[in-house]
């Protein structure tokens, strides 16, 4: 199942991961959070939107390269070939798990925004302390710099470092920014992130919301020929 369905009706409880990959993502985020974040305000995240959007759009050529049949989405077999070319050490089971985690439309095809989210999750999962920071994790240094910004943004918002962002943590981040107008916007954006309305946002939910905020969504392909959701 590809959607972010959590433990409904209990805002105090953490979101329950559906898959082993999602559990690993939470664990990887908690490890990463021990290093802190260079981001110091919510406003600084918003100011990075244009640069992040530009970086995402440069990834479109990579997406089209792996979309071998040019149907506007990547299927499981195309994704396996993608992982092989990127020389990422994931088992077939993990690749299937990642596919199902990011295929939120459950249409057995990964759209561009879902592909970006998947690559960012892979980037986080490959955050191995034994690997020098200068070494590329997925062979895309420019995109990895953007992913690090997104990880840093999540780390900044997750004040208690439990791998999830709560509404109260978002409020704290807003208060630190000192701007009322951005506060109202931020609360609206928290609601956009919190798909299951359980008061907790995991990294995958955050990433999907972020791709939408900067203008990358699953309708990207309409420009080139009308792929439907």
Protein backbone atom coordinates (compact mmCIF):
# COMPACT_ATOMS: atom_id res chain seq x y z
CA UNK A 1 0.00 0.00 0.00
CA UNK A 2 1.44 3.33 -1.03
CA UNK A 3 -0.46 5.91 1.02
CA UNK A 4 0.56 7.38 4.33
CA UNK A 5 -2.07 5.80 6.51
CA UNK A 6 -1.23 6.14 10.16
CA UNK A 7 -2.71 5.46 13.56
CA UNK A 8 -5.92 7.48 13.41
CA UNK A 9 -7.46 9.33 16.31
CA UNK A 10 -4.43 9.53 18.58
CA UNK A 11 -2.41 12.74 18.08
CA UNK A 12 -0.18 11.83 21.02
CA UNK A 13 0.98 8.60 19.39
CA UNK A 14 3.66 8.49 16.73
CA UNK A 15 2.69 7.65 13.17
CA UNK A 16 2.96 3.88 12.65
CA UNK A 17 5.19 2.96 9.68
CA UNK A 18 3.55 0.65 7.16
CA UNK A 19 6.65 -1.00 5.77
CA UNK A 20 10.16 -2.03 6.76
CA UNK A 21 11.57 0.72 4.56
CA UNK A 22 9.49 3.36 6.34
CA UNK A 23 10.73 2.03 9.68
CA UNK A 24 14.31 2.31 8.40
CA UNK A 25 13.64 5.87 7.21
CA UNK A 26 12.50 6.88 10.72
CA UNK A 27 15.59 5.23 12.23
CA UNK A 28 17.89 6.91 9.68
CA UNK A 29 16.30 10.30 10.36
CA UNK A 30 16.81 9.88 14.12
CA UNK A 31 20.50 9.10 13.51
CA UNK A 32 20.83 12.12 11.22
CA UNK A 33 19.13 14.36 13.78
CA UNK A 34 21.96 13.81 16.25
CA UNK A 35 24.11 16.01 13.95
CA UNK A 36 21.71 18.97 14.04
CA UNK A 37 20.77 21.30 11.17
CA UNK A 38 22.30 24.39 9.58
CA UNK A 39 18.79 25.78 9.02
CA UNK A 40 17.86 28.27 11.74
CA UNK A 41 14.39 29.55 10.75
CA UNK A 42 11.22 28.54 8.93
CA UNK A 43 11.55 31.60 6.69
CA UNK A 44 14.97 30.42 5.50
CA UNK A 45 13.29 27.20 4.30
CA UNK A 46 10.76 29.20 2.26
CA UNK A 47 13.56 31.30 0.73
CA UNK A 48 15.16 28.10 -0.60
CA UNK A 49 12.04 27.09 -2.61
CA UNK A 50 13.21 28.56 -5.99
CA UNK A 51 16.61 26.87 -5.83
CA UNK A 52 15.05 23.55 -4.80
CA UNK A 53 12.51 23.80 -7.64
CA UNK A 54 15.33 24.40 -10.14
CA UNK A 55 17.27 21.40 -8.82
CA UNK A 56 14.20 19.14 -9.05
CA UNK A 57 13.52 20.17 -12.63
CA UNK A 58 17.07 19.33 -13.65
CA UNK A 59 16.29 15.80 -12.44
CA UNK A 60 13.57 15.47 -15.10
CA UNK A 61 16.09 14.26 -17.69
CA UNK A 62 17.16 11.47 -15.31
CA UNK A 63 13.52 10.48 -14.80
CA UNK A 64 12.94 10.37 -18.58
CA UNK A 65 16.09 8.30 -19.04
CA UNK A 66 14.77 5.60 -16.72
CA UNK A 67 11.22 5.83 -18.10
CA UNK A 68 12.20 3.56 -21.00
CA UNK A 69 8.76 3.28 -22.57
CA UNK A 70 8.17 7.06 -22.23
CA UNK A 71 4.71 6.64 -20.69
CA UNK A 72 5.29 9.28 -18.00
CA UNK A 73 5.89 6.85 -15.15
CA UNK A 74 8.50 4.36 -13.95
CA UNK A 75 7.36 0.79 -13.30
CA UNK A 76 9.04 -1.71 -10.98
CA UNK A 77 11.27 -3.21 -13.67
CA UNK A 78 12.43 0.23 -14.81
CA UNK A 79 13.12 1.11 -11.18
CA UNK A 80 15.27 -2.01 -10.73
CA UNK A 81 17.33 -0.96 -13.76
CA UNK A 82 17.57 2.54 -12.30
CA UNK A 83 18.95 1.20 -9.01
CA UNK A 84 21.42 -0.97 -10.91
CA UNK A 85 22.72 2.04 -12.89
CA UNK A 86 22.97 4.14 -9.73
CA UNK A 87 24.91 1.26 -8.10
CA UNK A 88 22.73 1.34 -4.99
CA UNK A 89 22.95 -1.77 -2.82
CA UNK A 90 19.27 -2.57 -2.28
CA UNK A 91 17.66 -6.00 -2.48
CA UNK A 92 14.71 -6.68 -4.79
CA UNK A 93 12.49 -6.79 -1.71
CA UNK A 94 13.72 -3.35 -0.58
CA UNK A 95 13.24 -1.93 -4.08
CA UNK A 96 9.67 -3.28 -4.16
CA UNK A 97 9.11 -1.82 -0.69
CA UNK A 98 10.41 1.59 -1.78
CA UNK A 99 8.26 1.48 -4.91
CA UNK A 100 5.09 0.71 -2.97
CA UNK A 101 5.97 3.31 -0.33
CA UNK A 102 6.33 6.09 -2.91
CA UNK A 103 3.64 5.00 -5.38
CA UNK A 104 1.02 6.96 -3.47
CA UNK A 105 -1.51 6.78 -6.30
CA UNK A 106 -1.21 2.97 -6.23
CA UNK A 107 -1.29 2.90 -10.02
CA UNK A 108 1.84 0.70 -10.34
CA UNK A 109 3.67 3.59 -12.00
CA UNK A 110 5.95 6.12 -10.33
CA UNK A 111 5.33 9.70 -11.48
CA UNK A 112 8.04 12.37 -11.43
CA UNK A 113 7.22 13.73 -7.96
CA UNK A 114 7.12 10.19 -6.54
CA UNK A 115 10.51 9.48 -8.15
CA UNK A 116 12.04 12.56 -6.47
CA UNK A 117 10.67 11.48 -3.09
CA UNK A 118 12.06 7.97 -3.60
CA UNK A 119 15.54 9.28 -4.46
CA UNK A 120 15.53 11.50 -1.36
CA UNK A 121 14.54 8.54 0.84
CA UNK A 122 17.37 6.52 -0.74
CA UNK A 123 19.75 9.41 -0.02
CA UNK A 124 18.75 9.40 3.65
CA UNK A 125 18.93 5.61 3.93
CA UNK A 126 22.47 5.66 2.56
CA UNK A 127 23.58 8.08 5.30
CA UNK A 128 26.30 5.76 6.52
CA UNK A 129 28.70 7.29 9.10
CA UNK A 130 31.47 5.17 7.58
CA UNK A 131 31.11 6.91 4.20
CA UNK A 132 33.04 10.19 3.87
CA UNK A 133 30.69 13.16 3.49
CA UNK A 134 32.45 14.19 0.28
CA UNK A 135 31.51 10.93 -1.44
CA UNK A 136 28.38 10.92 -3.58
CA UNK A 137 25.69 8.54 -2.29
CA UNK A 138 23.58 8.12 -5.44
CA UNK A 139 25.80 9.55 -8.17
CA UNK A 140 23.94 12.89 -8.37
CA UNK A 141 25.99 15.42 -6.36
CA UNK A 142 23.88 18.50 -7.27
CA UNK A 143 20.60 16.80 -6.41
CA UNK A 144 22.13 15.36 -3.23
CA UNK A 145 22.93 18.90 -2.05
CA UNK A 146 19.21 19.70 -2.43
CA UNK A 147 18.27 16.51 -0.57
CA UNK A 148 20.58 17.53 2.26
CA UNK A 149 18.72 20.84 2.45
CA UNK A 150 15.41 18.96 2.72
CA UNK A 151 16.79 16.65 5.41
CA UNK A 152 18.10 19.71 7.25
CA UNK A 153 14.69 21.40 7.02
CA UNK A 154 13.00 18.35 8.57
CA UNK A 155 15.65 18.14 11.30
CA UNK A 156 15.08 21.83 12.10
CA UNK A 157 11.31 21.29 12.44
CA UNK A 158 11.60 18.07 14.47
CA UNK A 159 12.50 19.67 17.79
CA UNK A 160 12.36 16.53 19.95
CA UNK A 161 14.32 14.45 17.38
CA UNK A 162 11.90 11.50 17.32
CA UNK A 163 11.73 11.26 13.51
CA UNK A 164 8.33 13.00 13.19
CA UNK A 165 7.12 16.62 13.10
CA UNK A 166 4.12 17.47 15.28
CA UNK A 167 1.86 20.52 15.09
CA UNK A 168 3.35 21.86 18.33
CA UNK A 169 6.84 21.59 16.86
CA UNK A 170 5.69 23.51 13.80
CA UNK A 171 4.26 26.20 16.11
CA UNK A 172 7.62 26.38 17.90
CA UNK A 173 9.44 26.80 14.58
CA UNK A 174 7.03 29.58 13.60
CA UNK A 175 7.47 31.38 16.91
CA UNK A 176 11.22 31.30 16.40
CA UNK A 177 10.78 33.03 13.04
CA UNK A 178 8.95 35.91 14.74
CA UNK A 179 6.62 36.56 11.81
CA UNK A 180 2.87 36.25 12.27
CA UNK A 181 1.97 36.14 8.58
CA UNK A 182 4.32 33.23 7.90
CA UNK A 183 2.81 31.51 10.95
CA UNK A 184 -0.62 31.27 9.35
CA UNK A 185 0.92 29.97 6.13
CA UNK A 186 3.00 27.42 8.03
CA UNK A 187 -0.02 26.02 9.90
CA UNK A 188 -1.85 25.60 6.60
CA UNK A 189 1.18 23.81 5.20
CA UNK A 190 1.34 21.52 8.22
CA UNK A 191 -2.21 20.44 7.43
CA UNK A 192 -1.15 19.79 3.83
CA UNK A 193 1.65 17.53 5.11
CA UNK A 194 -0.44 15.65 7.67
CA UNK A 195 -2.35 13.40 5.26
CA UNK A 196 -3.95 11.17 7.88
CA UNK A 197 -4.70 14.06 10.26
CA UNK A 198 -3.07 12.31 13.23
CA UNK A 199 -1.00 15.33 14.23
CA UNK A 200 2.30 13.72 13.17
CA UNK A 201 4.24 14.12 9.91
CA UNK A 202 6.91 11.68 8.77
CA UNK A 203 9.67 12.43 6.26
CA UNK A 204 7.81 10.93 3.30
CA UNK A 205 4.74 13.09 3.94
CA UNK A 206 7.01 16.11 4.32
CA UNK A 207 8.72 15.39 0.97
CA UNK A 208 5.49 14.96 -0.97
CA UNK A 209 4.18 18.24 0.44
CA UNK A 210 7.47 19.94 -0.41
CA UNK A 211 7.40 18.83 -4.07
CA UNK A 212 3.90 20.32 -4.28
CA UNK A 213 4.93 23.60 -2.60
CA UNK A 214 7.75 24.25 -5.04
CA UNK A 215 5.55 23.39 -8.03
CA UNK A 216 6.48 19.76 -8.74
CA UNK A 217 3.45 17.49 -8.63
CA UNK A 218 2.08 14.41 -10.37
CA UNK A 219 0.59 16.54 -13.16
CA UNK A 220 4.05 17.46 -14.45
CA UNK A 221 3.62 15.18 -17.44
CA UNK A 222 0.56 17.03 -18.74
CA UNK A 223 2.95 19.46 -20.42
CA UNK A 224 4.26 16.67 -22.60
CA UNK A 225 1.12 14.76 -23.51
CA UNK A 226 -1.58 14.55 -20.92
CA UNK A 227 -0.85 11.85 -18.40
CA UNK A 228 -3.69 11.64 -15.91
CA UNK A 229 -3.42 11.08 -12.17
